[in-house]
Amino acid sequence: MKVNGKTVNHTLYASLCGELDESCAAQVRQQLDTLLQSPDIGKVVLDLSGVSFMDSTGIGMLIGRYKSLKAREIPLLLASPSSVVDKLLSLSGIYEIMPKIVG
């Protein structure tokens, strides 16, 4: 799983590429947490277009990042999930707390 991020105008754009499951969730969590430490962030957009598979461990990792950002009053948005990941996130109700954006 690859994690890339850049901040533009107080928005952190982070992209994930690969499978987000138990085998890599801890690594992804650590990489995202490092990116999220910046005090300059006002919003986070997580690009999921490159995620080909996600399981419940991936959902748990997303919820953990959401909770840490919510404590700082920073919104987390999910962008461009693949159809497989989109279905999982829809069924799990994640979009109720982390809105999906297209683009």
N, C-alpha and C. Protein backbone atom coordinates (compact mmCIF):
# COMPACT_ATOMS: atom_id res chain seq x y z
N MET A 1 0.85 -1.18 0.00
CA MET A 1 0.00 0.00 0.00
C MET A 1 0.89 1.23 0.00
N LYS A 2 0.63 2.12 -0.93
CA LYS A 2 1.35 3.38 -1.01
C LYS A 2 0.48 4.51 -0.46
N VAL A 3 1.11 5.42 0.28
CA VAL A 3 0.44 6.60 0.81
C VAL A 3 1.24 7.82 0.38
N ASN A 4 0.57 8.74 -0.30
CA ASN A 4 1.21 9.99 -0.72
C ASN A 4 0.34 11.14 -0.25
N GLY A 5 0.98 12.23 0.13
CA GLY A 5 0.20 13.38 0.57
C GLY A 5 0.89 14.69 0.28
N LYS A 6 0.06 15.71 0.07
CA LYS A 6 0.58 17.07 -0.07
C LYS A 6 -0.49 18.02 0.44
N THR A 7 -0.03 19.15 0.97
CA THR A 7 -0.94 20.16 1.50
C THR A 7 -0.98 21.35 0.56
N VAL A 8 -2.20 21.75 0.20
CA VAL A 8 -2.41 22.91 -0.66
C VAL A 8 -3.51 23.76 -0.02
N ASN A 9 -3.19 25.01 0.28
CA ASN A 9 -4.17 25.93 0.87
C ASN A 9 -4.87 25.34 2.10
N HIS A 10 -4.11 24.81 3.02
CA HIS A 10 -4.60 24.25 4.28
C HIS A 10 -5.43 22.97 4.13
N THR A 11 -5.40 22.36 2.93
CA THR A 11 -6.08 21.09 2.72
C THR A 11 -5.02 20.03 2.44
N LEU A 12 -5.05 18.95 3.24
CA LEU A 12 -4.17 17.82 3.00
C LEU A 12 -4.86 16.88 2.03
N TYR A 13 -4.21 16.64 0.89
CA TYR A 13 -4.68 15.66 -0.07
C TYR A 13 -3.81 14.43 0.07
N ALA A 14 -4.40 13.34 0.54
CA ALA A 14 -3.65 12.10 0.73
C ALA A 14 -4.26 11.04 -0.17
N SER A 15 -3.42 10.32 -0.90
CA SER A 15 -3.92 9.27 -1.78
C SER A 15 -3.37 7.92 -1.32
N LEU A 16 -4.24 6.93 -1.41
CA LEU A 16 -3.88 5.56 -1.06
C LEU A 16 -3.93 4.73 -2.33
N CYS A 17 -2.99 3.81 -2.46
CA CYS A 17 -2.95 2.95 -3.64
C CYS A 17 -2.58 1.53 -3.22
N GLY A 18 -3.47 0.59 -3.52
CA GLY A 18 -3.23 -0.80 -3.17
C GLY A 18 -4.41 -1.38 -2.42
N GLU A 19 -4.16 -2.41 -1.63
CA GLU A 19 -5.19 -3.06 -0.83
C GLU A 19 -5.07 -2.59 0.62
N LEU A 20 -6.19 -2.19 1.20
CA LEU A 20 -6.21 -1.71 2.58
C LEU A 20 -6.86 -2.78 3.44
N ASP A 21 -6.01 -3.62 4.04
CA ASP A 21 -6.49 -4.72 4.86
C ASP A 21 -5.59 -4.90 6.08
N GLU A 22 -5.80 -5.97 6.79
CA GLU A 22 -5.07 -6.21 8.05
C GLU A 22 -3.56 -6.23 7.86
N SER A 23 -3.10 -6.67 6.72
CA SER A 23 -1.66 -6.79 6.50
C SER A 23 -0.94 -5.45 6.41
N CYS A 24 -1.66 -4.37 6.08
CA CYS A 24 -0.99 -3.09 5.90
C CYS A 24 -1.63 -1.94 6.68
N ALA A 25 -2.71 -2.19 7.40
CA ALA A 25 -3.45 -1.11 8.08
C ALA A 25 -2.57 -0.36 9.08
N ALA A 26 -1.74 -1.05 9.82
CA ALA A 26 -0.87 -0.38 10.80
C ALA A 26 0.11 0.56 10.11
N GLN A 27 0.68 0.12 9.00
CA GLN A 27 1.62 0.95 8.24
C GLN A 27 0.91 2.18 7.69
N VAL A 28 -0.27 2.00 7.12
CA VAL A 28 -1.04 3.12 6.56
C VAL A 28 -1.41 4.08 7.67
N ARG A 29 -1.85 3.56 8.80
CA ARG A 29 -2.22 4.39 9.95
C ARG A 29 -1.03 5.26 10.37
N GLN A 30 0.14 4.66 10.46
CA GLN A 30 1.33 5.40 10.87
C GLN A 30 1.69 6.49 9.85
N GLN A 31 1.63 6.16 8.57
CA GLN A 31 1.96 7.14 7.54
C GLN A 31 0.95 8.29 7.51
N LEU A 32 -0.34 7.96 7.63
CA LEU A 32 -1.34 9.02 7.66
C LEU A 32 -1.20 9.89 8.90
N ASP A 33 -0.97 9.26 10.05
CA ASP A 33 -0.82 10.03 11.29
C ASP A 33 0.35 11.00 11.20
N THR A 34 1.42 10.60 10.53
CA THR A 34 2.55 11.50 10.33
C THR A 34 2.13 12.70 9.48
N LEU A 35 1.38 12.45 8.41
CA LEU A 35 0.90 13.54 7.56
C LEU A 35 -0.07 14.45 8.31
N LEU A 36 -0.88 13.86 9.19
CA LEU A 36 -1.92 14.61 9.89
C LEU A 36 -1.38 15.45 11.05
N GLN A 37 -0.12 15.29 11.40
CA GLN A 37 0.46 16.05 12.51
C GLN A 37 0.66 17.52 12.19
N SER A 38 0.63 17.88 10.95
CA SER A 38 0.86 19.27 10.56
C SER A 38 -0.20 20.18 11.17
N PRO A 39 0.22 21.26 11.84
CA PRO A 39 -0.75 22.18 12.42
C PRO A 39 -1.42 23.07 11.37
N ASP A 40 -0.96 23.00 10.14
CA ASP A 40 -1.43 23.85 9.04
C ASP A 40 -2.67 23.30 8.34
N ILE A 41 -3.16 22.14 8.77
CA ILE A 41 -4.26 21.46 8.07
C ILE A 41 -5.61 21.95 8.58
N GLY A 42 -6.50 22.30 7.62
CA GLY A 42 -7.86 22.69 7.97
C GLY A 42 -8.90 21.72 7.44
N LYS A 43 -8.47 20.85 6.51
CA LYS A 43 -9.36 19.86 5.91
C LYS A 43 -8.49 18.74 5.34
N VAL A 44 -9.05 17.51 5.32
CA VAL A 44 -8.33 16.37 4.76
C VAL A 44 -9.20 15.71 3.71
N VAL A 45 -8.63 15.51 2.52
CA VAL A 45 -9.30 14.78 1.45
C VAL A 45 -8.49 13.51 1.20
N LEU A 46 -9.14 12.38 1.42
CA LEU A 46 -8.48 11.08 1.25
C LEU A 46 -8.93 10.48 -0.09
N ASP A 47 -8.00 10.41 -1.03
CA ASP A 47 -8.30 9.89 -2.37
C ASP A 47 -8.19 8.37 -2.34
N LEU A 48 -9.33 7.71 -2.56
CA LEU A 48 -9.38 6.25 -2.50
C LEU A 48 -9.45 5.62 -3.89
N SER A 49 -9.22 6.40 -4.94
CA SER A 49 -9.35 5.87 -6.30
C SER A 49 -8.38 4.73 -6.59
N GLY A 50 -7.26 4.69 -5.89
CA GLY A 50 -6.27 3.63 -6.11
C GLY A 50 -6.42 2.44 -5.19
N VAL A 51 -7.45 2.44 -4.33
CA VAL A 51 -7.66 1.32 -3.40
C VAL A 51 -8.51 0.26 -4.10
N SER A 52 -7.90 -0.90 -4.32
CA SER A 52 -8.59 -1.96 -5.05
C SER A 52 -9.38 -2.89 -4.13
N PHE A 53 -9.07 -2.89 -2.82
CA PHE A 53 -9.76 -3.75 -1.86
C PHE A 53 -9.66 -3.12 -0.48
N MET A 54 -10.72 -3.27 0.30
CA MET A 54 -10.70 -2.81 1.68
C MET A 54 -11.55 -3.77 2.50
N ASP A 55 -11.08 -4.08 3.72
CA ASP A 55 -11.88 -4.91 4.62
C ASP A 55 -12.20 -4.12 5.88
N SER A 56 -12.74 -4.79 6.89
CA SER A 56 -13.15 -4.11 8.11
C SER A 56 -11.98 -3.45 8.84
N THR A 57 -10.79 -3.97 8.69
CA THR A 57 -9.62 -3.35 9.30
C THR A 57 -9.37 -1.98 8.67
N GLY A 58 -9.56 -1.89 7.37
CA GLY A 58 -9.43 -0.61 6.67
C GLY A 58 -10.47 0.39 7.13
N ILE A 59 -11.70 -0.09 7.33
CA ILE A 59 -12.75 0.79 7.85
C ILE A 59 -12.39 1.28 9.25
N GLY A 60 -11.88 0.39 10.07
CA GLY A 60 -11.45 0.78 11.42
C GLY A 60 -10.35 1.82 11.39
N MET A 61 -9.42 1.68 10.45
CA MET A 61 -8.34 2.65 10.31
C MET A 61 -8.91 4.02 9.92
N LEU A 62 -9.87 4.04 9.00
CA LEU A 62 -10.50 5.29 8.61
C LEU A 62 -11.23 5.94 9.79
N ILE A 63 -11.95 5.15 10.56
CA ILE A 63 -12.68 5.68 11.71
C ILE A 63 -11.71 6.26 12.75
N GLY A 64 -10.59 5.61 12.95
CA GLY A 64 -9.59 6.13 13.88
C GLY A 64 -9.05 7.48 13.45
N ARG A 65 -8.79 7.65 12.15
CA ARG A 65 -8.31 8.94 11.65
C ARG A 65 -9.41 9.99 11.76
N TYR A 66 -10.64 9.58 11.48
CA TYR A 66 -11.79 10.49 11.61
C TYR A 66 -11.89 11.02 13.05
N LYS A 67 -11.79 10.12 14.02
CA LYS A 67 -11.91 10.53 15.43
C LYS A 67 -10.81 11.49 15.84
N SER A 68 -9.58 11.23 15.42
CA SER A 68 -8.49 12.13 15.79
C SER A 68 -8.64 13.49 15.13
N LEU A 69 -9.14 13.51 13.88
CA LEU A 69 -9.36 14.79 13.20
C LEU A 69 -10.56 15.52 13.78
N LYS A 70 -11.61 14.79 14.13
CA LYS A 70 -12.80 15.42 14.71
C LYS A 70 -12.45 16.14 16.00
N ALA A 71 -11.55 15.56 16.80
CA ALA A 71 -11.13 16.19 18.05
C ALA A 71 -10.46 17.54 17.78
N ARG A 72 -9.89 17.69 16.59
CA ARG A 72 -9.24 18.95 16.18
C ARG A 72 -10.17 19.79 15.30
N GLU A 73 -11.42 19.34 15.15
CA GLU A 73 -12.42 20.03 14.32
C GLU A 73 -11.99 20.17 12.87
N ILE A 74 -11.39 19.10 12.35
CA ILE A 74 -10.93 19.05 10.96
C ILE A 74 -11.77 18.02 10.22
N PRO A 75 -12.48 18.42 9.15
CA PRO A 75 -13.29 17.46 8.40
C PRO A 75 -12.43 16.51 7.57
N LEU A 76 -12.92 15.27 7.44
CA LEU A 76 -12.29 14.25 6.61
C LEU A 76 -13.27 13.87 5.51
N LEU A 77 -12.85 14.04 4.26
CA LEU A 77 -13.68 13.73 3.11
C LEU A 77 -13.05 12.58 2.33
N LEU A 78 -13.88 11.72 1.77
CA LEU A 78 -13.39 10.59 0.98
C LEU A 78 -13.67 10.85 -0.49
N ALA A 79 -12.64 10.73 -1.31
CA ALA A 79 -12.75 11.06 -2.73
C ALA A 79 -12.57 9.84 -3.62
N SER A 80 -13.44 9.73 -4.60
CA SER A 80 -13.30 8.81 -5.74
C SER A 80 -13.01 7.36 -5.39
N PRO A 81 -13.78 6.75 -4.49
CA PRO A 81 -13.54 5.33 -4.22
C PRO A 81 -13.90 4.48 -5.43
N SER A 82 -13.19 3.36 -5.59
CA SER A 82 -13.55 2.41 -6.65
C SER A 82 -14.93 1.85 -6.34
N SER A 83 -15.56 1.21 -7.29
CA SER A 83 -16.91 0.70 -7.09
C SER A 83 -16.98 -0.33 -5.95
N VAL A 84 -15.97 -1.17 -5.84
CA VAL A 84 -15.94 -2.19 -4.79
C VAL A 84 -15.82 -1.52 -3.41
N VAL A 85 -14.92 -0.57 -3.28
CA VAL A 85 -14.72 0.13 -2.01
C VAL A 85 -15.94 1.01 -1.70
N ASP A 86 -16.50 1.64 -2.72
CA ASP A 86 -17.68 2.48 -2.54
C ASP A 86 -18.84 1.68 -1.96
N LYS A 87 -19.05 0.49 -2.47
CA LYS A 87 -20.14 -0.37 -1.97
C LYS A 87 -19.93 -0.71 -0.50
N LEU A 88 -18.71 -1.08 -0.13
CA LEU A 88 -18.39 -1.40 1.27
C LEU A 88 -18.62 -0.19 2.17
N LEU A 89 -18.15 0.97 1.75
CA LEU A 89 -18.30 2.17 2.56
C LEU A 89 -19.77 2.58 2.67
N SER A 90 -20.53 2.40 1.61
CA SER A 90 -21.96 2.70 1.64
C SER A 90 -22.68 1.78 2.62
N LEU A 91 -22.42 0.49 2.51
CA LEU A 91 -23.07 -0.48 3.39
C LEU A 91 -22.70 -0.28 4.86
N SER A 92 -21.48 0.16 5.11
CA SER A 92 -21.03 0.35 6.49
C SER A 92 -21.53 1.65 7.11
N GLY A 93 -22.04 2.57 6.29
CA GLY A 93 -22.53 3.84 6.79
C GLY A 93 -21.45 4.89 7.01
N ILE A 94 -20.27 4.65 6.51
CA ILE A 94 -19.15 5.57 6.68
C ILE A 94 -19.45 6.96 6.12
N TYR A 95 -20.19 7.01 5.01
CA TYR A 95 -20.46 8.30 4.39
C TYR A 95 -21.30 9.22 5.27
N GLU A 96 -21.93 8.68 6.30
CA GLU A 96 -22.69 9.52 7.24
C GLU A 96 -21.76 10.44 8.04
N ILE A 97 -20.53 9.98 8.28
CA ILE A 97 -19.59 10.80 9.06
C ILE A 97 -18.43 11.33 8.22
N MET A 98 -18.13 10.67 7.12
CA MET A 98 -17.08 11.10 6.20
C MET A 98 -17.68 11.22 4.81
N PRO A 99 -18.11 12.41 4.41
CA PRO A 99 -18.78 12.55 3.12
C PRO A 99 -17.90 12.15 1.94
N LYS A 100 -18.57 11.62 0.92
CA LYS A 100 -17.89 11.25 -0.32
C LYS A 100 -17.95 12.42 -1.28
N ILE A 101 -16.81 12.71 -1.90
CA ILE A 101 -16.78 13.71 -2.94
C ILE A 101 -16.29 13.06 -4.22
N VAL A 102 -16.69 13.59 -5.34
CA VAL A 102 -16.28 13.02 -6.63
C VAL A 102 -15.27 13.97 -7.25
N GLY A 103 -14.17 13.38 -7.73
CA GLY A 103 -13.19 14.21 -8.42
C GLY A 103 -11.86 14.13 -7.88
